[in-house]
N, C-alpha and C. Protein backbone atom coordinates (compact mmCIF):
# COMPACT_ATOMS: atom_id res chain seq x y z
N SER A 1 40.91 29.89 -9.71
CA SER A 1 40.54 30.88 -8.72
C SER A 1 40.22 32.19 -9.43
N LEU A 2 39.38 32.97 -8.82
CA LEU A 2 38.98 34.26 -9.37
C LEU A 2 39.71 35.38 -8.66
N ARG A 3 39.91 36.45 -9.37
CA ARG A 3 40.47 37.65 -8.75
C ARG A 3 39.63 38.85 -9.19
N SER A 4 39.64 39.86 -8.40
CA SER A 4 38.88 41.07 -8.69
C SER A 4 39.25 41.60 -10.06
N GLY A 5 38.23 41.90 -10.86
CA GLY A 5 38.43 42.46 -12.19
C GLY A 5 38.61 41.43 -13.28
N ALA A 6 38.68 40.14 -12.93
CA ALA A 6 38.87 39.10 -13.94
C ALA A 6 37.60 38.95 -14.78
N ALA A 7 37.78 38.66 -16.06
CA ALA A 7 36.64 38.41 -16.94
C ALA A 7 36.15 36.97 -16.72
N VAL A 8 34.85 36.80 -16.67
CA VAL A 8 34.26 35.47 -16.49
C VAL A 8 33.11 35.30 -17.46
N ILE A 9 32.76 34.06 -17.73
CA ILE A 9 31.60 33.74 -18.54
C ILE A 9 30.71 32.84 -17.71
N ALA A 10 29.46 33.25 -17.54
CA ALA A 10 28.49 32.45 -16.79
C ALA A 10 27.58 31.75 -17.79
N ARG A 11 27.38 30.46 -17.61
CA ARG A 11 26.49 29.70 -18.48
C ARG A 11 25.48 28.95 -17.63
N VAL A 12 24.25 28.97 -18.09
CA VAL A 12 23.18 28.24 -17.41
C VAL A 12 23.03 26.88 -18.08
N ASP A 13 22.98 25.83 -17.28
CA ASP A 13 22.69 24.49 -17.80
C ASP A 13 21.20 24.48 -18.11
N ARG A 14 20.84 24.65 -19.39
CA ARG A 14 19.44 24.81 -19.78
C ARG A 14 18.57 23.62 -19.39
N ALA A 15 19.07 22.40 -19.53
CA ALA A 15 18.26 21.23 -19.18
C ALA A 15 17.99 21.19 -17.67
N ALA A 16 19.01 21.46 -16.87
CA ALA A 16 18.82 21.46 -15.41
C ALA A 16 17.90 22.60 -14.99
N ARG A 17 18.03 23.75 -15.63
CA ARG A 17 17.20 24.91 -15.31
C ARG A 17 15.73 24.61 -15.63
N HIS A 18 15.48 24.03 -16.81
CA HIS A 18 14.10 23.72 -17.18
C HIS A 18 13.50 22.68 -16.24
N ALA A 19 14.27 21.66 -15.89
CA ALA A 19 13.78 20.64 -14.95
C ALA A 19 13.45 21.27 -13.60
N THR A 20 14.28 22.20 -13.15
CA THR A 20 14.03 22.90 -11.88
C THR A 20 12.78 23.77 -11.98
N GLU A 21 12.65 24.50 -13.09
CA GLU A 21 11.45 25.33 -13.31
C GLU A 21 10.19 24.46 -13.29
N SER A 22 10.26 23.33 -13.95
CA SER A 22 9.10 22.42 -14.01
C SER A 22 8.74 21.92 -12.62
N ASN A 23 9.73 21.47 -11.88
CA ASN A 23 9.47 20.97 -10.53
C ASN A 23 8.97 22.07 -9.60
N HIS A 24 9.50 23.29 -9.78
CA HIS A 24 9.06 24.38 -8.91
C HIS A 24 7.60 24.76 -9.19
N THR A 25 7.27 24.93 -10.46
CA THR A 25 5.88 25.26 -10.79
C THR A 25 4.95 24.13 -10.34
N ALA A 26 5.40 22.89 -10.47
CA ALA A 26 4.59 21.74 -10.02
C ALA A 26 4.34 21.78 -8.52
N THR A 27 5.25 22.35 -7.73
CA THR A 27 4.98 22.45 -6.28
C THR A 27 3.80 23.38 -6.02
N HIS A 28 3.68 24.44 -6.83
CA HIS A 28 2.54 25.35 -6.68
C HIS A 28 1.23 24.62 -7.03
N LEU A 29 1.28 23.84 -8.10
CA LEU A 29 0.09 23.07 -8.49
C LEU A 29 -0.24 22.03 -7.44
N LEU A 30 0.77 21.36 -6.91
CA LEU A 30 0.56 20.36 -5.86
C LEU A 30 -0.07 20.99 -4.63
N HIS A 31 0.42 22.14 -4.23
CA HIS A 31 -0.15 22.84 -3.07
C HIS A 31 -1.63 23.12 -3.29
N ALA A 32 -1.97 23.64 -4.48
CA ALA A 32 -3.37 23.94 -4.79
C ALA A 32 -4.21 22.67 -4.80
N ALA A 33 -3.70 21.59 -5.37
CA ALA A 33 -4.44 20.33 -5.44
C ALA A 33 -4.66 19.74 -4.05
N LEU A 34 -3.66 19.82 -3.19
CA LEU A 34 -3.80 19.32 -1.81
C LEU A 34 -4.85 20.11 -1.05
N ARG A 35 -4.86 21.42 -1.21
CA ARG A 35 -5.85 22.24 -0.52
C ARG A 35 -7.26 21.92 -1.01
N ARG A 36 -7.41 21.66 -2.30
CA ARG A 36 -8.72 21.28 -2.84
C ARG A 36 -9.16 19.91 -2.34
N ALA A 37 -8.24 18.96 -2.32
CA ALA A 37 -8.59 17.59 -1.95
C ALA A 37 -8.75 17.40 -0.45
N LEU A 38 -7.93 18.07 0.35
CA LEU A 38 -7.89 17.81 1.79
C LEU A 38 -8.49 18.92 2.64
N GLY A 39 -8.50 20.14 2.12
CA GLY A 39 -9.08 21.25 2.88
C GLY A 39 -8.14 22.43 2.99
N GLU A 40 -8.71 23.55 3.38
CA GLU A 40 -7.98 24.81 3.47
C GLU A 40 -6.94 24.85 4.59
N HIS A 41 -6.96 23.86 5.49
CA HIS A 41 -5.97 23.81 6.56
C HIS A 41 -4.58 23.45 6.04
N VAL A 42 -4.52 22.89 4.83
CA VAL A 42 -3.23 22.49 4.26
C VAL A 42 -2.40 23.74 3.97
N ARG A 43 -1.18 23.74 4.49
CA ARG A 43 -0.23 24.84 4.27
C ARG A 43 1.15 24.24 4.03
N GLN A 44 1.90 24.89 3.18
CA GLN A 44 3.27 24.45 2.94
C GLN A 44 4.07 24.57 4.22
N ALA A 45 4.84 23.52 4.52
CA ALA A 45 5.66 23.50 5.74
C ALA A 45 7.13 23.29 5.41
N GLY A 46 7.48 23.36 4.14
CA GLY A 46 8.85 23.18 3.70
C GLY A 46 8.84 22.60 2.30
N SER A 47 9.96 22.72 1.62
CA SER A 47 10.04 22.15 0.28
C SER A 47 11.49 22.07 -0.17
N TYR A 48 11.70 21.25 -1.17
CA TYR A 48 12.96 21.19 -1.90
C TYR A 48 12.58 21.13 -3.37
N VAL A 49 13.24 21.94 -4.17
CA VAL A 49 13.04 21.90 -5.61
C VAL A 49 14.40 21.82 -6.27
N GLY A 50 14.61 20.79 -7.05
CA GLY A 50 15.85 20.65 -7.81
C GLY A 50 15.54 20.09 -9.17
N PRO A 51 16.53 19.87 -9.98
CA PRO A 51 16.26 19.33 -11.32
C PRO A 51 15.81 17.88 -11.31
N GLU A 52 16.15 17.14 -10.27
CA GLU A 52 15.84 15.71 -10.25
C GLU A 52 14.50 15.37 -9.62
N LYS A 53 13.96 16.23 -8.76
CA LYS A 53 12.69 15.94 -8.08
C LYS A 53 12.19 17.17 -7.35
N LEU A 54 11.00 17.02 -6.77
CA LEU A 54 10.49 18.00 -5.84
C LEU A 54 10.06 17.28 -4.57
N ARG A 55 10.19 17.98 -3.47
CA ARG A 55 9.71 17.48 -2.18
C ARG A 55 8.85 18.58 -1.57
N PHE A 56 7.67 18.21 -1.08
CA PHE A 56 6.73 19.20 -0.57
C PHE A 56 6.20 18.73 0.78
N ASP A 57 6.52 19.46 1.82
CA ASP A 57 6.01 19.18 3.17
C ASP A 57 4.80 20.07 3.41
N PHE A 58 3.76 19.49 4.04
CA PHE A 58 2.53 20.25 4.25
C PHE A 58 1.84 19.79 5.52
N THR A 59 1.06 20.70 6.08
CA THR A 59 0.34 20.40 7.30
C THR A 59 -0.88 19.54 6.99
N HIS A 60 -0.96 18.42 7.70
CA HIS A 60 -2.11 17.51 7.60
C HIS A 60 -1.91 16.44 8.65
N THR A 61 -2.99 15.95 9.21
CA THR A 61 -2.88 15.06 10.36
C THR A 61 -2.82 13.57 10.03
N ALA A 62 -3.10 13.18 8.80
CA ALA A 62 -3.17 11.75 8.48
C ALA A 62 -2.53 11.46 7.13
N ALA A 63 -2.13 10.22 6.97
CA ALA A 63 -1.59 9.78 5.68
C ALA A 63 -2.68 9.88 4.62
N LEU A 64 -2.28 10.12 3.40
CA LEU A 64 -3.23 10.17 2.30
C LEU A 64 -3.47 8.76 1.78
N GLY A 65 -4.71 8.46 1.51
CA GLY A 65 -5.07 7.17 0.95
C GLY A 65 -4.78 7.13 -0.54
N GLU A 66 -4.88 5.95 -1.10
CA GLU A 66 -4.61 5.77 -2.52
C GLU A 66 -5.52 6.64 -3.38
N GLN A 67 -6.79 6.73 -3.01
CA GLN A 67 -7.75 7.55 -3.77
C GLN A 67 -7.38 9.02 -3.69
N GLU A 68 -7.03 9.51 -2.49
CA GLU A 68 -6.65 10.92 -2.33
C GLU A 68 -5.40 11.24 -3.15
N LEU A 69 -4.41 10.36 -3.09
CA LEU A 69 -3.18 10.58 -3.87
C LEU A 69 -3.49 10.60 -5.37
N GLY A 70 -4.34 9.70 -5.82
CA GLY A 70 -4.75 9.68 -7.21
C GLY A 70 -5.48 10.94 -7.62
N ASP A 71 -6.36 11.41 -6.74
CA ASP A 71 -7.11 12.65 -7.03
C ASP A 71 -6.16 13.85 -7.13
N VAL A 72 -5.18 13.93 -6.23
CA VAL A 72 -4.22 15.02 -6.25
C VAL A 72 -3.37 14.96 -7.52
N GLU A 73 -2.86 13.79 -7.84
CA GLU A 73 -2.05 13.61 -9.04
C GLU A 73 -2.86 13.96 -10.30
N ASP A 74 -4.12 13.51 -10.35
CA ASP A 74 -4.99 13.82 -11.49
C ASP A 74 -5.24 15.32 -11.62
N ALA A 75 -5.46 16.00 -10.49
CA ALA A 75 -5.69 17.45 -10.54
C ALA A 75 -4.47 18.17 -11.09
N VAL A 76 -3.29 17.81 -10.60
CA VAL A 76 -2.06 18.46 -11.08
C VAL A 76 -1.88 18.19 -12.58
N ASN A 77 -2.02 16.96 -12.99
CA ASN A 77 -1.87 16.64 -14.42
C ASN A 77 -2.94 17.30 -15.27
N GLY A 78 -4.14 17.47 -14.74
CA GLY A 78 -5.19 18.18 -15.47
C GLY A 78 -4.83 19.63 -15.70
N TRP A 79 -4.29 20.29 -14.67
CA TRP A 79 -3.89 21.69 -14.82
C TRP A 79 -2.70 21.81 -15.78
N ILE A 80 -1.79 20.84 -15.73
CA ILE A 80 -0.67 20.84 -16.66
C ILE A 80 -1.19 20.75 -18.09
N ALA A 81 -2.12 19.84 -18.33
CA ALA A 81 -2.65 19.63 -19.68
C ALA A 81 -3.40 20.85 -20.21
N ARG A 82 -3.94 21.67 -19.34
CA ARG A 82 -4.65 22.88 -19.78
C ARG A 82 -3.71 23.91 -20.41
N ASN A 83 -2.42 23.77 -20.16
CA ASN A 83 -1.42 24.69 -20.71
C ASN A 83 -1.70 26.13 -20.29
N ASP A 84 -2.04 26.29 -19.02
CA ASP A 84 -2.34 27.62 -18.48
C ASP A 84 -1.09 28.49 -18.39
N PRO A 85 -1.26 29.80 -18.50
CA PRO A 85 -0.11 30.70 -18.35
C PRO A 85 0.35 30.81 -16.90
N VAL A 86 1.64 31.00 -16.73
CA VAL A 86 2.25 31.22 -15.42
C VAL A 86 2.90 32.61 -15.48
N HIS A 87 2.45 33.50 -14.60
CA HIS A 87 2.96 34.87 -14.62
C HIS A 87 3.58 35.24 -13.28
N ALA A 88 4.72 35.86 -13.33
CA ALA A 88 5.33 36.48 -12.15
C ALA A 88 5.04 37.97 -12.24
N ILE A 89 4.45 38.50 -11.19
CA ILE A 89 4.01 39.89 -11.19
C ILE A 89 4.63 40.60 -10.00
N THR A 90 5.21 41.75 -10.23
CA THR A 90 5.70 42.59 -9.15
C THR A 90 4.58 43.52 -8.74
N THR A 91 4.24 43.49 -7.46
CA THR A 91 3.13 44.29 -6.98
C THR A 91 3.38 44.68 -5.52
N THR A 92 2.47 45.39 -4.94
CA THR A 92 2.61 45.73 -3.53
C THR A 92 2.12 44.57 -2.67
N LEU A 93 2.63 44.49 -1.47
CA LEU A 93 2.20 43.45 -0.55
C LEU A 93 0.70 43.59 -0.27
N ASP A 94 0.22 44.80 -0.12
CA ASP A 94 -1.21 45.01 0.12
C ASP A 94 -2.07 44.50 -1.04
N GLU A 95 -1.64 44.76 -2.27
CA GLU A 95 -2.39 44.29 -3.44
C GLU A 95 -2.36 42.77 -3.52
N ALA A 96 -1.22 42.17 -3.25
CA ALA A 96 -1.11 40.71 -3.26
C ALA A 96 -2.05 40.10 -2.23
N ARG A 97 -2.10 40.68 -1.05
CA ARG A 97 -3.03 40.19 -0.02
C ARG A 97 -4.48 40.35 -0.48
N ARG A 98 -4.79 41.51 -1.06
CA ARG A 98 -6.16 41.76 -1.54
C ARG A 98 -6.57 40.73 -2.57
N LEU A 99 -5.61 40.30 -3.40
CA LEU A 99 -5.89 39.29 -4.43
C LEU A 99 -5.91 37.87 -3.87
N GLY A 100 -5.59 37.71 -2.59
CA GLY A 100 -5.64 36.39 -1.96
C GLY A 100 -4.38 35.57 -2.11
N ALA A 101 -3.26 36.21 -2.42
CA ALA A 101 -2.00 35.47 -2.57
C ALA A 101 -1.62 34.82 -1.25
N MET A 102 -1.12 33.60 -1.35
CA MET A 102 -0.63 32.91 -0.17
C MET A 102 0.80 33.35 0.09
N ALA A 103 1.07 33.70 1.34
CA ALA A 103 2.43 34.00 1.78
C ALA A 103 2.82 32.90 2.74
N LEU A 104 3.99 32.33 2.56
CA LEU A 104 4.36 31.12 3.28
C LEU A 104 5.39 31.36 4.37
N PHE A 105 5.35 30.50 5.37
CA PHE A 105 6.34 30.44 6.45
C PHE A 105 6.38 31.66 7.35
N GLY A 106 5.41 32.53 7.29
CA GLY A 106 5.44 33.72 8.12
C GLY A 106 6.64 34.61 7.80
N GLU A 107 7.13 34.53 6.56
CA GLU A 107 8.28 35.34 6.17
C GLU A 107 7.95 36.82 6.24
N LYS A 108 8.98 37.62 6.40
CA LYS A 108 8.80 39.07 6.37
C LYS A 108 9.01 39.53 4.94
N TYR A 109 8.10 40.35 4.48
CA TYR A 109 8.15 40.85 3.12
C TYR A 109 8.24 42.36 3.13
N GLY A 110 8.83 42.90 2.09
CA GLY A 110 8.87 44.35 1.92
C GLY A 110 7.55 44.84 1.36
N ASP A 111 7.51 46.11 1.03
CA ASP A 111 6.29 46.70 0.47
C ASP A 111 6.02 46.21 -0.95
N VAL A 112 7.09 45.87 -1.68
CA VAL A 112 6.96 45.37 -3.05
C VAL A 112 7.34 43.90 -3.04
N VAL A 113 6.48 43.05 -3.65
CA VAL A 113 6.68 41.60 -3.63
C VAL A 113 6.56 41.03 -5.04
N ARG A 114 7.02 39.80 -5.18
CA ARG A 114 6.86 39.07 -6.45
C ARG A 114 5.80 38.00 -6.21
N MET A 115 4.76 38.05 -7.00
CA MET A 115 3.65 37.11 -6.88
C MET A 115 3.60 36.27 -8.15
N VAL A 116 3.49 34.96 -7.97
CA VAL A 116 3.37 34.05 -9.11
C VAL A 116 1.93 33.56 -9.14
N GLU A 117 1.29 33.75 -10.28
CA GLU A 117 -0.08 33.25 -10.42
C GLU A 117 -0.17 32.36 -11.65
N ILE A 118 -0.95 31.31 -11.49
CA ILE A 118 -1.16 30.35 -12.56
C ILE A 118 -2.62 30.43 -12.96
N ALA A 119 -2.86 30.48 -14.27
CA ALA A 119 -4.23 30.61 -14.81
C ALA A 119 -4.89 31.87 -14.25
N ASP A 120 -4.14 32.96 -14.26
CA ASP A 120 -4.64 34.25 -13.76
C ASP A 120 -5.17 34.14 -12.33
N GLY A 121 -4.56 33.25 -11.53
CA GLY A 121 -4.93 33.09 -10.14
C GLY A 121 -6.12 32.20 -9.91
N GLU A 122 -6.61 31.56 -10.95
CA GLU A 122 -7.80 30.72 -10.82
C GLU A 122 -7.63 29.65 -9.74
N TYR A 123 -6.44 29.06 -9.66
CA TYR A 123 -6.22 28.02 -8.65
C TYR A 123 -4.90 28.17 -7.90
N SER A 124 -4.03 29.08 -8.31
CA SER A 124 -2.78 29.27 -7.59
C SER A 124 -2.30 30.70 -7.71
N ARG A 125 -2.04 31.29 -6.55
CA ARG A 125 -1.48 32.65 -6.48
C ARG A 125 -0.67 32.70 -5.18
N GLU A 126 0.66 32.78 -5.32
CA GLU A 126 1.53 32.74 -4.15
C GLU A 126 2.66 33.74 -4.30
N LEU A 127 3.14 34.25 -3.18
CA LEU A 127 4.35 35.05 -3.20
C LEU A 127 5.51 34.09 -3.38
N CYS A 128 6.37 34.38 -4.35
CA CYS A 128 7.44 33.43 -4.67
C CYS A 128 8.51 34.12 -5.49
N GLY A 129 9.76 33.86 -5.15
CA GLY A 129 10.87 34.43 -5.89
C GLY A 129 11.57 33.45 -6.80
N GLY A 130 11.03 32.24 -6.93
CA GLY A 130 11.70 31.17 -7.67
C GLY A 130 11.50 31.23 -9.18
N THR A 131 12.16 30.30 -9.84
CA THR A 131 12.10 30.19 -11.29
C THR A 131 10.94 29.28 -11.71
N HIS A 132 10.24 29.66 -12.77
CA HIS A 132 9.04 28.94 -13.19
C HIS A 132 8.98 28.79 -14.70
N VAL A 133 8.18 27.81 -15.15
CA VAL A 133 7.89 27.68 -16.57
C VAL A 133 6.96 28.81 -16.99
N ARG A 134 6.81 29.02 -18.29
CA ARG A 134 5.92 30.07 -18.79
C ARG A 134 4.47 29.58 -18.92
N ARG A 135 4.32 28.28 -19.18
CA ARG A 135 2.99 27.69 -19.31
C ARG A 135 3.03 26.31 -18.67
N THR A 136 1.93 25.87 -18.10
CA THR A 136 1.93 24.63 -17.33
C THR A 136 2.30 23.40 -18.15
N ALA A 137 1.94 23.37 -19.44
CA ALA A 137 2.23 22.18 -20.26
C ALA A 137 3.73 21.92 -20.39
N GLU A 138 4.57 22.93 -20.17
CA GLU A 138 6.01 22.74 -20.21
C GLU A 138 6.49 21.77 -19.14
N ILE A 139 5.69 21.55 -18.10
CA ILE A 139 6.08 20.67 -16.99
C ILE A 139 6.15 19.22 -17.45
N GLY A 140 5.26 18.83 -18.35
CA GLY A 140 5.19 17.42 -18.72
C GLY A 140 4.46 16.64 -17.65
N PRO A 141 4.53 15.32 -17.69
CA PRO A 141 3.79 14.53 -16.70
C PRO A 141 4.30 14.75 -15.28
N PHE A 142 3.38 14.61 -14.34
CA PHE A 142 3.66 14.74 -12.90
C PHE A 142 3.33 13.42 -12.24
N VAL A 143 4.29 12.85 -11.52
CA VAL A 143 4.10 11.56 -10.86
C VAL A 143 4.50 11.67 -9.40
N ILE A 144 3.58 11.31 -8.50
CA ILE A 144 3.90 11.23 -7.08
C ILE A 144 4.67 9.94 -6.84
N VAL A 145 5.84 10.06 -6.25
CA VAL A 145 6.71 8.92 -5.99
C VAL A 145 6.48 8.35 -4.59
N SER A 146 6.24 9.25 -3.61
CA SER A 146 6.01 8.77 -2.24
C SER A 146 5.25 9.81 -1.44
N GLU A 147 4.59 9.33 -0.39
CA GLU A 147 3.90 10.18 0.58
C GLU A 147 4.20 9.58 1.94
N THR A 148 4.83 10.38 2.82
CA THR A 148 5.25 9.90 4.13
C THR A 148 5.03 10.99 5.18
N SER A 149 5.35 10.67 6.41
CA SER A 149 5.33 11.64 7.48
C SER A 149 6.73 12.24 7.62
N SER A 150 6.80 13.55 7.83
CA SER A 150 8.12 14.17 8.05
C SER A 150 8.25 14.71 9.47
N ALA A 151 7.11 14.93 10.15
CA ALA A 151 7.09 15.42 11.54
C ALA A 151 5.65 15.27 12.03
N ALA A 152 5.43 15.59 13.28
CA ALA A 152 4.08 15.52 13.83
C ALA A 152 3.17 16.45 13.04
N ASN A 153 2.10 15.90 12.50
CA ASN A 153 1.11 16.66 11.74
C ASN A 153 1.67 17.31 10.47
N VAL A 154 2.75 16.77 9.96
CA VAL A 154 3.34 17.24 8.72
C VAL A 154 3.59 16.04 7.81
N ARG A 155 3.05 16.11 6.61
CA ARG A 155 3.22 15.05 5.62
C ARG A 155 4.21 15.51 4.56
N ARG A 156 4.79 14.56 3.84
CA ARG A 156 5.76 14.87 2.80
C ARG A 156 5.41 14.10 1.53
N ILE A 157 5.35 14.82 0.43
CA ILE A 157 5.19 14.19 -0.89
C ILE A 157 6.46 14.45 -1.69
N GLU A 158 6.96 13.39 -2.32
CA GLU A 158 8.05 13.53 -3.28
C GLU A 158 7.47 13.18 -4.64
N ALA A 159 7.85 13.96 -5.65
CA ALA A 159 7.30 13.77 -6.99
C ALA A 159 8.35 14.11 -8.02
N ILE A 160 8.08 13.68 -9.24
CA ILE A 160 8.95 13.97 -10.37
C ILE A 160 8.10 14.47 -11.53
N THR A 161 8.76 15.17 -12.45
CA THR A 161 8.06 15.71 -13.61
C THR A 161 8.89 15.46 -14.87
N GLY A 162 8.29 15.78 -16.01
CA GLY A 162 9.01 15.79 -17.27
C GLY A 162 9.64 14.46 -17.64
N PRO A 163 10.87 14.51 -18.21
CA PRO A 163 11.52 13.28 -18.67
C PRO A 163 11.70 12.22 -17.57
N ALA A 164 11.96 12.66 -16.33
CA ALA A 164 12.11 11.70 -15.24
C ALA A 164 10.79 10.96 -15.00
N ALA A 165 9.67 11.68 -15.09
CA ALA A 165 8.37 11.04 -14.93
C ALA A 165 8.06 10.10 -16.08
N VAL A 166 8.40 10.50 -17.30
CA VAL A 166 8.19 9.63 -18.46
C VAL A 166 8.97 8.34 -18.28
N GLU A 167 10.23 8.47 -17.87
CA GLU A 167 11.07 7.29 -17.66
C GLU A 167 10.47 6.35 -16.61
N MET A 168 9.97 6.92 -15.52
CA MET A 168 9.36 6.11 -14.47
C MET A 168 8.09 5.40 -14.99
N LEU A 169 7.30 6.13 -15.75
CA LEU A 169 6.07 5.54 -16.29
C LEU A 169 6.36 4.40 -17.25
N ARG A 170 7.44 4.52 -18.00
CA ARG A 170 7.83 3.43 -18.92
C ARG A 170 8.23 2.21 -18.13
């Protein structure tokens, strides 16, 4: 038990942190790939990011076919292979909007926000407070594990990255 004034040591599990960073950055890439493959109507409708996997819920009216899933997976892996930089930038909400940053879930934001952009915003720029890799190649392989329905007009993709993806591919 802890008591006020007690000395503590905090340690980060580096492997779990890196796996979480990889999965989180991959959700941004997945979102961008889905919007390119399916259309601008695609919006994030929920997510889970942990060290073991990512889950991404998004608006869309139909199941994705094998070709669409392959195209999305290929786009994400292509961006990973480019080793693009990932930057978190503190800016004003107005500037983020001017730059086209996506803001999700109708959240309320203050005047100053954290914006994450990949490849200088070439394909992904979102308001986000999460942990990310520094460059896309750190993610390693990206593999879609499943695509299902989670609610009316909402689809769900579960995917894995890095060592978990390598293990699955083997």
